[in-house]
N, C-alpha and C. Protein backbone atom coordinates (compact mmCIF):
# COMPACT_ATOMS: atom_id res chain seq x y z
N MET A 1 242.98 -46.81 -55.79
CA MET A 1 242.65 -46.74 -57.18
C MET A 1 241.90 -48.00 -57.63
N GLU A 2 242.17 -49.14 -57.00
CA GLU A 2 241.52 -50.38 -57.37
C GLU A 2 240.05 -50.40 -56.98
N ASP A 3 239.67 -49.60 -55.97
CA ASP A 3 238.29 -49.58 -55.51
C ASP A 3 237.36 -48.86 -56.49
N GLN A 4 237.89 -48.03 -57.35
CA GLN A 4 237.06 -47.28 -58.29
C GLN A 4 236.54 -48.20 -59.38
N GLU A 5 235.26 -47.99 -59.73
CA GLU A 5 234.68 -48.77 -60.81
C GLU A 5 235.15 -48.23 -62.14
N LYS A 6 235.37 -49.14 -63.07
CA LYS A 6 235.71 -48.73 -64.43
C LYS A 6 234.45 -48.25 -65.11
N PRO A 7 234.55 -47.24 -65.96
CA PRO A 7 233.35 -46.80 -66.68
C PRO A 7 232.82 -47.92 -67.56
N PHE A 8 231.49 -48.01 -67.63
CA PHE A 8 230.86 -49.06 -68.43
C PHE A 8 231.04 -48.74 -69.91
N ARG A 9 231.44 -49.73 -70.66
CA ARG A 9 231.57 -49.58 -72.11
C ARG A 9 230.71 -50.64 -72.75
N ARG A 10 229.77 -50.21 -73.59
CA ARG A 10 228.91 -51.16 -74.28
C ARG A 10 229.75 -52.08 -75.15
N GLU A 11 229.62 -53.34 -74.92
CA GLU A 11 230.36 -54.30 -75.71
C GLU A 11 229.57 -54.61 -76.98
N GLU A 12 230.22 -54.48 -78.11
CA GLU A 12 229.57 -54.83 -79.36
C GLU A 12 229.83 -56.30 -79.62
N LEU A 13 228.76 -57.08 -79.65
CA LEU A 13 228.88 -58.52 -79.80
C LEU A 13 228.86 -58.95 -81.26
N PHE A 14 228.18 -58.16 -82.08
CA PHE A 14 228.00 -58.51 -83.49
C PHE A 14 227.75 -57.22 -84.24
N SER A 15 228.26 -57.13 -85.46
CA SER A 15 228.02 -55.95 -86.28
C SER A 15 227.98 -56.36 -87.75
N ARG A 16 227.03 -55.78 -88.47
CA ARG A 16 226.90 -56.05 -89.89
C ARG A 16 226.54 -54.74 -90.59
N ALA A 17 227.28 -54.41 -91.65
CA ALA A 17 226.99 -53.22 -92.46
C ALA A 17 226.41 -53.67 -93.79
N ILE A 18 225.31 -53.04 -94.18
CA ILE A 18 224.66 -53.34 -95.45
C ILE A 18 224.64 -52.07 -96.28
N ARG A 19 225.35 -52.06 -97.39
CA ARG A 19 225.36 -50.90 -98.28
C ARG A 19 224.19 -51.03 -99.25
N ALA A 20 223.40 -49.97 -99.34
CA ALA A 20 222.21 -49.98 -100.18
C ALA A 20 222.10 -48.63 -100.88
N GLY A 21 222.73 -48.50 -102.03
CA GLY A 21 222.69 -47.24 -102.76
C GLY A 21 223.43 -46.16 -102.00
N LYS A 22 222.74 -45.05 -101.75
CA LYS A 22 223.35 -43.92 -101.04
C LYS A 22 223.28 -44.07 -99.53
N ARG A 23 222.72 -45.16 -99.08
CA ARG A 23 222.58 -45.39 -97.65
C ARG A 23 223.39 -46.61 -97.22
N THR A 24 223.77 -46.60 -95.95
CA THR A 24 224.37 -47.78 -95.34
C THR A 24 223.58 -48.05 -94.07
N TYR A 25 223.23 -49.31 -93.87
CA TYR A 25 222.52 -49.71 -92.66
C TYR A 25 223.48 -50.53 -91.81
N PHE A 26 223.52 -50.23 -90.52
CA PHE A 26 224.37 -50.94 -89.58
C PHE A 26 223.46 -51.67 -88.59
N PHE A 27 223.70 -52.96 -88.42
CA PHE A 27 222.98 -53.77 -87.45
C PHE A 27 224.01 -54.16 -86.39
N ASP A 28 223.86 -53.64 -85.18
CA ASP A 28 224.82 -53.86 -84.11
C ASP A 28 224.13 -54.46 -82.89
N VAL A 29 224.65 -55.58 -82.42
CA VAL A 29 224.15 -56.20 -81.20
C VAL A 29 225.07 -55.76 -80.07
N LYS A 30 224.47 -55.18 -79.03
CA LYS A 30 225.22 -54.67 -77.88
C LYS A 30 224.61 -55.21 -76.60
N THR A 31 225.24 -54.91 -75.47
CA THR A 31 224.70 -55.32 -74.18
C THR A 31 224.49 -54.11 -73.28
N THR A 32 223.48 -54.21 -72.43
CA THR A 32 223.23 -53.18 -71.44
C THR A 32 224.09 -53.46 -70.22
N ARG A 33 224.04 -52.58 -69.25
CA ARG A 33 224.77 -52.81 -67.99
C ARG A 33 224.30 -54.08 -67.30
N GLY A 34 223.02 -54.39 -67.49
CA GLY A 34 222.45 -55.60 -66.90
C GLY A 34 222.69 -56.84 -67.75
N GLU A 35 223.56 -56.72 -68.73
CA GLU A 35 223.95 -57.81 -69.62
C GLU A 35 222.81 -58.32 -70.49
N GLU A 36 221.80 -57.48 -70.75
CA GLU A 36 220.74 -57.82 -71.69
C GLU A 36 221.19 -57.37 -73.08
N GLN A 37 220.95 -58.21 -74.06
CA GLN A 37 221.32 -57.85 -75.42
C GLN A 37 220.22 -57.04 -76.09
N TYR A 38 220.63 -56.12 -76.95
CA TYR A 38 219.68 -55.34 -77.75
C TYR A 38 220.31 -55.05 -79.10
N LEU A 39 219.48 -54.63 -80.03
CA LEU A 39 219.91 -54.37 -81.39
C LEU A 39 219.77 -52.89 -81.69
N THR A 40 220.80 -52.31 -82.29
CA THR A 40 220.65 -50.96 -82.83
C THR A 40 220.71 -51.08 -84.33
N ILE A 41 219.79 -50.40 -84.99
CA ILE A 41 219.78 -50.32 -86.45
C ILE A 41 220.05 -48.86 -86.77
N THR A 42 221.14 -48.61 -87.49
CA THR A 42 221.52 -47.24 -87.83
C THR A 42 221.47 -47.07 -89.33
N GLU A 43 220.79 -46.03 -89.77
CA GLU A 43 220.80 -45.65 -91.18
C GLU A 43 221.75 -44.47 -91.30
N SER A 44 222.71 -44.58 -92.21
CA SER A 44 223.68 -43.52 -92.41
C SER A 44 223.60 -43.06 -93.87
N LYS A 45 223.45 -41.75 -94.06
CA LYS A 45 223.39 -41.19 -95.41
C LYS A 45 224.44 -40.10 -95.54
N ARG A 46 225.17 -40.11 -96.63
CA ARG A 46 226.17 -39.08 -96.88
C ARG A 46 225.45 -37.87 -97.47
N ARG A 47 225.66 -36.73 -96.86
CA ARG A 47 225.01 -35.47 -97.29
C ARG A 47 226.08 -34.41 -97.49
N PHE A 48 225.72 -33.39 -98.26
CA PHE A 48 226.63 -32.27 -98.47
C PHE A 48 226.05 -31.05 -97.77
N SER A 49 226.88 -30.37 -96.99
CA SER A 49 226.47 -29.15 -96.30
C SER A 49 226.95 -27.95 -97.11
N ASN A 50 226.00 -27.20 -97.65
CA ASN A 50 226.36 -25.99 -98.40
C ASN A 50 226.99 -24.95 -97.48
N ASP A 51 226.52 -24.90 -96.22
CA ASP A 51 227.06 -23.93 -95.26
C ASP A 51 228.53 -24.19 -94.95
N GLN A 52 228.87 -25.46 -94.77
CA GLN A 52 230.24 -25.81 -94.39
C GLN A 52 231.10 -26.19 -95.59
N GLY A 53 230.46 -26.41 -96.73
CA GLY A 53 231.19 -26.75 -97.94
C GLY A 53 231.86 -28.11 -97.90
N ARG A 54 231.25 -29.05 -97.17
CA ARG A 54 231.84 -30.38 -97.09
C ARG A 54 230.76 -31.43 -96.85
N PHE A 55 231.14 -32.68 -97.02
CA PHE A 55 230.23 -33.79 -96.79
C PHE A 55 230.19 -34.15 -95.30
N PHE A 56 229.05 -34.68 -94.88
CA PHE A 56 228.89 -35.20 -93.52
C PHE A 56 227.95 -36.39 -93.60
N TYR A 57 227.88 -37.14 -92.53
CA TYR A 57 227.00 -38.31 -92.48
C TYR A 57 225.84 -38.04 -91.54
N GLU A 58 224.64 -38.17 -92.07
CA GLU A 58 223.42 -38.02 -91.29
C GLU A 58 223.03 -39.41 -90.81
N LYS A 59 222.86 -39.56 -89.50
CA LYS A 59 222.55 -40.89 -88.95
C LYS A 59 221.24 -40.88 -88.19
N HIS A 60 220.51 -41.98 -88.34
CA HIS A 60 219.28 -42.20 -87.60
C HIS A 60 219.39 -43.56 -86.94
N LYS A 61 219.07 -43.62 -85.65
CA LYS A 61 219.21 -44.87 -84.90
C LYS A 61 217.86 -45.37 -84.39
N LEU A 62 217.76 -46.68 -84.36
CA LEU A 62 216.60 -47.36 -83.81
C LEU A 62 217.12 -48.39 -82.82
N PHE A 63 216.58 -48.38 -81.61
CA PHE A 63 216.97 -49.33 -80.58
C PHE A 63 215.86 -50.36 -80.47
N LEU A 64 216.22 -51.63 -80.60
CA LEU A 64 215.22 -52.69 -80.57
C LEU A 64 215.62 -53.71 -79.51
N TYR A 65 214.72 -53.91 -78.56
CA TYR A 65 214.99 -54.81 -77.45
C TYR A 65 214.32 -56.16 -77.67
N LYS A 66 214.92 -57.19 -77.08
CA LYS A 66 214.52 -58.58 -77.29
C LYS A 66 213.01 -58.79 -77.16
N GLU A 67 212.41 -58.17 -76.17
CA GLU A 67 210.98 -58.38 -75.93
C GLU A 67 210.10 -57.82 -77.06
N ASP A 68 210.67 -56.99 -77.93
CA ASP A 68 209.90 -56.39 -79.02
C ASP A 68 210.18 -57.04 -80.38
N PHE A 69 211.12 -57.99 -80.46
CA PHE A 69 211.51 -58.57 -81.75
C PHE A 69 210.33 -59.14 -82.53
N GLU A 70 209.52 -59.96 -81.87
CA GLU A 70 208.43 -60.64 -82.58
C GLU A 70 207.45 -59.65 -83.20
N LYS A 71 207.02 -58.65 -82.42
CA LYS A 71 206.07 -57.66 -82.94
C LYS A 71 206.71 -56.80 -84.03
N PHE A 72 207.97 -56.45 -83.85
CA PHE A 72 208.68 -55.64 -84.84
C PHE A 72 208.78 -56.39 -86.17
N VAL A 73 209.21 -57.64 -86.12
CA VAL A 73 209.36 -58.44 -87.33
C VAL A 73 208.02 -58.63 -88.02
N LYS A 74 206.98 -58.87 -87.24
CA LYS A 74 205.63 -59.04 -87.82
C LYS A 74 205.21 -57.76 -88.55
N GLY A 75 205.38 -56.62 -87.91
CA GLY A 75 205.02 -55.36 -88.54
C GLY A 75 205.84 -55.07 -89.79
N LEU A 76 207.12 -55.39 -89.74
CA LEU A 76 207.99 -55.20 -90.90
C LEU A 76 207.57 -56.11 -92.05
N GLN A 77 207.31 -57.38 -91.75
CA GLN A 77 206.88 -58.32 -92.79
C GLN A 77 205.56 -57.91 -93.42
N GLU A 78 204.61 -57.47 -92.60
CA GLU A 78 203.32 -57.02 -93.12
C GLU A 78 203.47 -55.79 -94.00
N SER A 79 204.34 -54.89 -93.60
CA SER A 79 204.56 -53.67 -94.39
C SER A 79 205.20 -54.00 -95.74
N ILE A 80 206.19 -54.90 -95.72
CA ILE A 80 206.84 -55.30 -96.97
C ILE A 80 205.84 -56.03 -97.87
N GLN A 81 205.05 -56.91 -97.28
CA GLN A 81 204.04 -57.63 -98.06
C GLN A 81 203.05 -56.66 -98.70
N PHE A 82 202.62 -55.64 -97.96
CA PHE A 82 201.69 -54.65 -98.51
C PHE A 82 202.33 -53.91 -99.70
N ILE A 83 203.61 -53.53 -99.56
CA ILE A 83 204.29 -52.83 -100.66
C ILE A 83 204.37 -53.73 -101.89
N GLU A 84 204.69 -55.02 -101.68
CA GLU A 84 204.86 -55.94 -102.80
C GLU A 84 203.55 -56.37 -103.44
N THR A 85 202.49 -56.51 -102.64
CA THR A 85 201.24 -57.07 -103.17
C THR A 85 200.07 -56.09 -103.18
N GLY A 86 200.13 -55.06 -102.34
CA GLY A 86 199.01 -54.14 -102.22
C GLY A 86 197.90 -54.67 -101.33
N GLU A 87 198.09 -55.84 -100.75
CA GLU A 87 197.07 -56.47 -99.91
C GLU A 87 197.27 -56.10 -98.44
N LEU A 88 196.17 -55.70 -97.79
CA LEU A 88 196.23 -55.40 -96.36
C LEU A 88 196.22 -56.69 -95.56
N PRO A 89 196.90 -56.72 -94.42
CA PRO A 89 196.83 -57.90 -93.55
C PRO A 89 195.41 -58.11 -93.06
N GLU A 90 195.07 -59.36 -92.75
CA GLU A 90 193.72 -59.70 -92.30
C GLU A 90 193.30 -58.90 -91.07
N ASP A 91 194.23 -58.69 -90.14
CA ASP A 91 193.89 -58.00 -88.90
C ASP A 91 194.16 -56.50 -88.96
N TYR A 92 194.32 -55.95 -90.17
CA TYR A 92 194.63 -54.53 -90.31
C TYR A 92 193.49 -53.68 -89.74
N GLY A 93 193.82 -52.71 -88.90
CA GLY A 93 192.83 -51.81 -88.31
C GLY A 93 192.17 -52.37 -87.06
N MET A 94 192.54 -53.59 -86.66
CA MET A 94 191.92 -54.21 -85.49
C MET A 94 192.43 -53.63 -84.19
N GLU A 95 193.68 -53.15 -84.18
CA GLU A 95 194.23 -52.57 -82.95
C GLU A 95 193.60 -51.21 -82.72
N SER A 96 193.16 -51.01 -81.51
CA SER A 96 192.58 -49.73 -81.15
C SER A 96 193.67 -48.68 -81.06
N GLU A 97 193.39 -47.50 -81.57
CA GLU A 97 194.36 -46.41 -81.48
C GLU A 97 194.63 -46.04 -80.02
N GLN A 98 193.74 -46.43 -79.12
CA GLN A 98 193.95 -46.14 -77.70
C GLN A 98 195.13 -46.93 -77.15
N ASN A 99 195.45 -48.06 -77.77
CA ASN A 99 196.56 -48.90 -77.30
C ASN A 99 197.90 -48.45 -77.84
N ILE A 100 197.90 -47.52 -78.77
CA ILE A 100 199.14 -47.06 -79.36
C ILE A 100 199.57 -45.79 -78.64
N PRO A 101 200.76 -45.79 -78.03
CA PRO A 101 201.21 -44.61 -77.30
C PRO A 101 201.47 -43.44 -78.25
N PRO A 102 201.31 -42.21 -77.77
CA PRO A 102 201.57 -41.06 -78.62
C PRO A 102 203.05 -41.00 -79.00
N VAL A 103 203.30 -40.39 -80.15
CA VAL A 103 204.67 -40.24 -80.61
C VAL A 103 205.35 -39.17 -79.76
N ALA A 104 206.53 -39.50 -79.26
CA ALA A 104 207.29 -38.56 -78.43
C ALA A 104 208.03 -37.58 -79.31
N ASP A 105 208.22 -36.38 -78.81
CA ASP A 105 208.98 -35.36 -79.50
C ASP A 105 210.44 -35.50 -79.07
N VAL A 106 211.21 -36.28 -79.85
CA VAL A 106 212.59 -36.58 -79.50
C VAL A 106 213.50 -36.12 -80.63
N THR A 107 214.60 -35.49 -80.26
CA THR A 107 215.57 -35.11 -81.28
C THR A 107 216.64 -36.18 -81.38
N PHE A 108 217.39 -36.18 -82.45
CA PHE A 108 218.43 -37.18 -82.64
C PHE A 108 219.54 -37.01 -81.61
N GLU A 109 219.74 -35.80 -81.13
CA GLU A 109 220.73 -35.58 -80.09
C GLU A 109 220.32 -36.31 -78.82
N ASP A 110 218.99 -36.33 -78.55
CA ASP A 110 218.48 -37.06 -77.38
C ASP A 110 218.78 -38.54 -77.50
N LEU A 111 218.66 -39.10 -78.71
CA LEU A 111 218.92 -40.51 -78.91
C LEU A 111 220.37 -40.85 -78.66
N ASP A 112 221.28 -39.97 -79.07
CA ASP A 112 222.68 -40.21 -78.80
C ASP A 112 222.94 -40.26 -77.30
N LYS A 113 222.23 -39.41 -76.53
CA LYS A 113 222.39 -39.42 -75.08
C LYS A 113 221.90 -40.74 -74.51
N VAL A 114 220.78 -41.27 -75.05
CA VAL A 114 220.24 -42.54 -74.58
C VAL A 114 221.25 -43.64 -74.86
N ASP A 115 221.85 -43.65 -76.06
CA ASP A 115 222.83 -44.66 -76.43
C ASP A 115 224.02 -44.61 -75.49
N ASP A 116 224.44 -43.43 -75.08
CA ASP A 116 225.56 -43.29 -74.18
C ASP A 116 225.24 -43.80 -72.77
N GLU A 117 223.95 -43.74 -72.39
CA GLU A 117 223.55 -44.13 -71.05
C GLU A 117 223.36 -45.63 -70.91
N ILE A 118 223.16 -46.31 -72.02
CA ILE A 118 222.85 -47.76 -71.97
C ILE A 118 224.08 -48.56 -71.68
C-alpha cells in the first residue's frame, strides 16, 4: 500500500474573494504537479433557473500562468485606460492579426476538466 502514489491535489497557496455587486471574483494561486505557480481568476454570478425553480452559481474561469503575467497586465491596463480616457494606446493595431491565435471552441465543462488535470 505504501508503494502507491497519492493522488495529486492542487495546493491553494493564496486566495482572495472580491465582491462586486452581483458578482464575486476569486483570485486563487495554485501549483501544478511540477510545482509551478499559476493564478485562476473565477467570476461567479448568482442566477435563477426558471426550469429548476432555484438559484445557482454560474462560474467562468481564467487560468493565468507566470510567463503571461506581464502581457496580461499590460493589456488589462491599456483596456482600463481606454475605458477611462477614450484614448487608444500608442501601439494600438501594431500587432499583426497573423500573430494572434484563433479562438478555440471550448465549453466551460472543458475548462473544469483542465483544472482537474493540473
